[in-house]
C-alpha cells in the first residue's frame, strides 16, 4: 500500500502531543534509556520499541479488563491498553528517540461478522532513512494474530477483507484522531469502549 502522509514536514512526526505523547514522564524516560542502552541503530531501536509495546502491554480486550489507558505514560504504568493506547505508546517511544512515527487506522469487524458491526483499529507508521515509511501493528499477538516488525512485507494484526466492508486507510496522521480520543475519554470502562469506538476516520 502507498501511504498518504498528512504532513510533508518530517518534523511534525517527531513532536510531542500533550498529554497523549510526552517524552519527559518518568516511565517513558526510563523505557527510552533502556532501549537506547540495548540498541545502536534507529532500526534496532524501533524494533525494540515495537516489541515492548506489543508484548509488555496487555491488550485490555483480550484480558477482559475494565481499565482504559490513553496516554503513553499511563499505558506503560498499568501495562495494559487497547490498540489505540498501544499505538500512542509506540509513537511516544519512537519520537522520543528521534524516529519519526505517525498514527494509522483500519476499519475492522468488531467480532468477525457483519452483524457485529465495525470499529476503528489503531496502528503506526514508522520512518527509517534506509527504508522510508512502513507500518507496524503493536496490537499484541494471540492465536490467529501474528504481527511482526517487518520493513519489507507488512505483517499486521488483521488481514483487511474489503468484501466484508473492512477498510485499510492509507493515511499517516500526525496526531491521534480526535474521535478516537473522545471515545476513550467518554467511556466508563473497556466494555463500553468496545462498542463506542469510532467506525470511520
Protein backbone atom coordinates (compact mmCIF):
# COMPACT_ATOMS: atom_id res chain seq x y z
CA UNK A 1 0.00 0.00 0.00
CA UNK A 2 1.19 3.52 -0.80
CA UNK A 3 0.88 5.50 2.40
CA UNK A 4 -0.58 9.01 2.38
CA UNK A 5 1.14 11.49 4.72
CA UNK A 6 -0.90 14.14 6.49
CA UNK A 7 2.19 16.37 6.54
CA UNK A 8 5.22 16.54 4.25
CA UNK A 9 7.29 18.04 7.07
CA UNK A 10 9.02 15.14 8.80
CA UNK A 11 9.43 17.27 11.92
CA UNK A 12 5.68 17.03 12.52
CA UNK A 13 6.12 13.30 13.11
CA UNK A 14 8.70 13.96 15.84
CA UNK A 15 6.80 16.34 18.07
CA UNK A 16 5.09 15.83 21.40
CA UNK A 17 1.29 15.87 21.62
CA UNK A 18 0.50 16.56 25.29
CA UNK A 19 -1.00 14.84 27.16
CA UNK A 20 -1.00 11.79 24.86
CA UNK A 21 2.60 11.86 23.62
CA UNK A 22 5.15 13.21 26.11
CA UNK A 23 8.82 12.31 26.36
CA UNK A 24 9.56 13.76 29.81
CA UNK A 25 7.46 11.48 32.04
CA UNK A 26 9.36 9.10 34.35
CA UNK A 27 8.46 5.71 32.86
CA UNK A 28 8.79 6.90 29.28
CA UNK A 29 12.24 8.34 30.02
CA UNK A 30 13.26 5.08 31.68
CA UNK A 31 11.99 2.96 28.78
CA UNK A 32 13.79 5.12 26.21
CA UNK A 33 17.03 4.97 28.18
CA UNK A 34 16.76 1.18 28.41
CA UNK A 35 16.12 0.79 24.68
CA UNK A 36 18.97 3.14 23.76
CA UNK A 37 21.34 1.21 26.04
CA UNK A 38 20.47 -2.02 24.22
CA UNK A 39 20.33 -0.82 20.61
CA UNK A 40 22.58 1.38 18.49
CA UNK A 41 20.85 1.87 15.14
CA UNK A 42 17.44 3.50 14.54
CA UNK A 43 16.14 0.21 13.12
CA UNK A 44 17.19 -1.71 16.23
CA UNK A 45 15.68 0.94 18.49
CA UNK A 46 12.42 0.95 16.54
CA UNK A 47 12.17 -2.84 16.72
CA UNK A 48 12.72 -2.88 20.47
CA UNK A 49 10.14 -0.12 20.99
CA UNK A 50 7.66 -2.09 18.87
CA UNK A 51 8.26 -5.31 20.79
CA UNK A 52 7.85 -3.52 24.12
CA UNK A 53 4.54 -2.03 23.01
CA UNK A 54 3.32 -5.28 21.50
CA UNK A 55 4.46 -7.72 24.19
CA UNK A 56 4.78 -5.88 27.51
CA UNK A 57 1.40 -4.17 27.32
CA UNK A 58 -1.58 -6.49 27.73
CA UNK A 59 -4.47 -5.82 25.35
CA UNK A 60 -7.40 -4.85 27.56
CA UNK A 61 -9.99 -6.55 25.36
CA UNK A 62 -8.03 -9.81 25.45
CA UNK A 63 -7.79 -9.79 29.25
CA UNK A 64 -11.36 -8.50 29.70
CA UNK A 65 -10.02 -5.64 31.80
CA UNK A 66 -12.24 -2.66 32.52
CA UNK A 67 -9.31 -0.24 32.71
CA UNK A 68 -8.95 2.38 29.97
CA UNK A 69 -5.50 3.85 29.40
CA UNK A 70 -4.98 6.64 26.90
CA UNK A 71 -1.62 8.39 27.14
CA UNK A 72 1.73 6.69 26.83
CA UNK A 73 2.81 7.08 30.48
CA UNK A 74 -0.32 5.52 31.98
CA UNK A 75 -0.29 2.74 29.39
CA UNK A 76 3.24 1.86 30.45
CA UNK A 77 2.44 2.29 34.15
CA UNK A 78 -0.57 -0.04 34.08
CA UNK A 79 0.95 -2.38 31.44
CA UNK A 80 -2.35 -2.53 29.59
CA UNK A 81 -4.38 -0.77 26.94
CA UNK A 82 -6.31 -1.34 23.74
CA UNK A 83 -4.81 -0.90 20.27
CA UNK A 84 -5.09 2.89 20.41
CA UNK A 85 -3.22 3.16 23.70
CA UNK A 86 -0.51 0.80 22.47
CA UNK A 87 -0.07 2.88 19.31
CA UNK A 88 0.17 6.03 21.44
CA UNK A 89 2.92 4.38 23.48
CA UNK A 90 4.86 3.20 20.44
CA UNK A 91 4.71 6.63 18.78
CA UNK A 92 5.90 8.23 22.01
CA UNK A 93 8.88 5.90 22.38
CA UNK A 94 9.87 6.34 18.75
CA UNK A 95 9.51 10.11 18.65
CA UNK A 96 11.35 10.34 21.95
CA UNK A 97 14.28 8.62 20.22
CA UNK A 98 14.09 10.97 17.20
CA UNK A 99 12.47 8.32 15.00
CA UNK A 100 9.51 9.74 13.04
CA UNK A 101 6.22 7.96 13.72
CA UNK A 102 2.58 8.52 12.83
CA UNK A 103 -0.86 7.14 13.56
CA UNK A 104 -2.76 4.84 11.18
CA UNK A 105 -6.19 3.24 11.25
CA UNK A 106 -8.18 0.40 9.79
CA UNK A 107 -11.91 -0.30 9.92
CA UNK A 108 -12.47 -3.88 11.04
CA UNK A 109 -15.40 -6.02 12.09
CA UNK A 110 -15.86 -5.95 15.86
CA UNK A 111 -16.38 -9.68 16.24
CA UNK A 112 -15.66 -11.01 12.77
CA UNK A 113 -19.21 -10.82 11.44
CA UNK A 114 -21.08 -8.05 9.64
CA UNK A 115 -23.83 -8.31 12.25
CA UNK A 116 -21.36 -7.37 15.00
CA UNK A 117 -20.67 -4.00 13.36
CA UNK A 118 -17.44 -2.14 12.65
CA UNK A 119 -14.87 -0.23 14.68
CA UNK A 120 -11.58 1.51 14.04
CA UNK A 121 -8.33 -0.27 14.85
CA UNK A 122 -5.18 1.73 15.57
CA UNK A 123 -1.61 1.03 14.46
CA UNK A 124 1.51 3.01 13.50
CA UNK A 125 3.71 4.07 10.62
CA UNK A 126 7.45 4.47 11.15
CA UNK A 127 10.10 6.25 9.08
CA UNK A 128 13.67 5.00 8.75
CA UNK A 129 16.12 6.70 6.38
CA UNK A 130 17.15 3.49 4.64
CA UNK A 131 13.55 2.19 4.32
CA UNK A 132 11.14 5.10 4.12
CA UNK A 133 7.69 4.82 5.68
CA UNK A 134 6.29 1.42 6.69
CA UNK A 135 3.55 0.25 9.03
CA UNK A 136 3.71 -1.88 12.16
CA UNK A 137 0.93 -3.02 14.47
CA UNK A 138 1.66 -3.27 18.22
CA UNK A 139 -1.80 -4.70 19.00
CA UNK A 140 -0.40 -7.85 20.61
CA UNK A 141 -0.34 -11.40 19.33
CA UNK A 142 -2.62 -14.29 20.21
CA UNK A 143 -3.85 -17.38 18.35
CA UNK A 144 -4.75 -16.20 14.85
CA UNK A 145 -2.81 -12.93 15.12
CA UNK A 146 0.89 -12.73 14.24
CA UNK A 147 2.04 -9.11 13.99
CA UNK A 148 5.77 -8.60 13.43
CA UNK A 149 8.29 -5.81 12.90
CA UNK A 150 8.84 -6.13 9.16
CA UNK A 151 10.26 -3.45 6.88
CA UNK A 152 9.60 -5.16 3.56
CA UNK A 153 6.34 -7.12 3.72
CA UNK A 154 3.69 -5.88 6.14
CA UNK A 155 2.88 -8.30 8.95
CA UNK A 156 -0.05 -6.61 10.67
CA UNK A 157 -2.61 -7.95 13.11
CA UNK A 158 -5.60 -8.05 10.78
CA UNK A 159 -5.93 -9.01 7.11
CA UNK A 160 -8.41 -6.49 5.72
CA UNK A 161 -11.39 -8.08 3.97
CA UNK A 162 -12.81 -5.46 1.66
CA UNK A 163 -15.58 -7.83 0.60
CA UNK A 164 -16.90 -7.64 4.18
CA UNK A 165 -16.74 -3.85 4.32
CA UNK A 166 -13.42 -3.57 6.12
CA UNK A 167 -11.17 -0.66 5.11
CA UNK A 168 -7.40 -0.22 5.19
CA UNK A 169 -6.84 3.54 5.34
CA UNK A 170 -3.52 4.70 3.82
CA UNK A 171 -3.34 7.87 5.91
CA UNK A 172 -0.45 8.57 8.29
CA UNK A 173 -1.69 11.12 10.79
CA UNK A 174 0.49 13.45 12.85
CA UNK A 175 -1.84 13.18 15.85
CA UNK A 176 -4.36 10.58 17.03
CA UNK A 177 -7.86 11.12 15.66
CA UNK A 178 -9.89 13.40 17.96
CA UNK A 179 -12.84 10.99 17.64
CA UNK A 180 -10.66 8.17 18.97
CA UNK A 181 -9.53 10.17 21.99
CA UNK A 182 -13.08 11.35 22.65
CA UNK A 183 -14.43 7.79 22.63
CA UNK A 184 -11.75 6.74 25.13
CA UNK A 185 -12.32 9.71 27.42
CA UNK A 186 -16.09 9.38 27.41
CA UNK A 187 -16.28 5.61 28.03
CA UNK A 188 -16.67 4.45 31.61
CA UNK A 189 -14.86 1.14 31.03
CA UNK A 190 -13.45 -1.03 28.26
CA UNK A 191 -16.73 -2.86 27.75
CA UNK A 192 -18.41 0.41 26.83
CA UNK A 193 -15.39 1.46 24.77
CA UNK A 194 -15.58 -1.74 22.74
CA UNK A 195 -18.89 -0.54 21.28
CA UNK A 196 -18.16 3.20 21.45
CA UNK A 197 -15.09 3.22 19.20
CA UNK A 198 -15.46 5.29 16.01
CA UNK A 199 -16.45 3.44 12.86
CA UNK A 200 -14.65 5.64 10.31
CA UNK A 201 -11.76 8.11 10.24
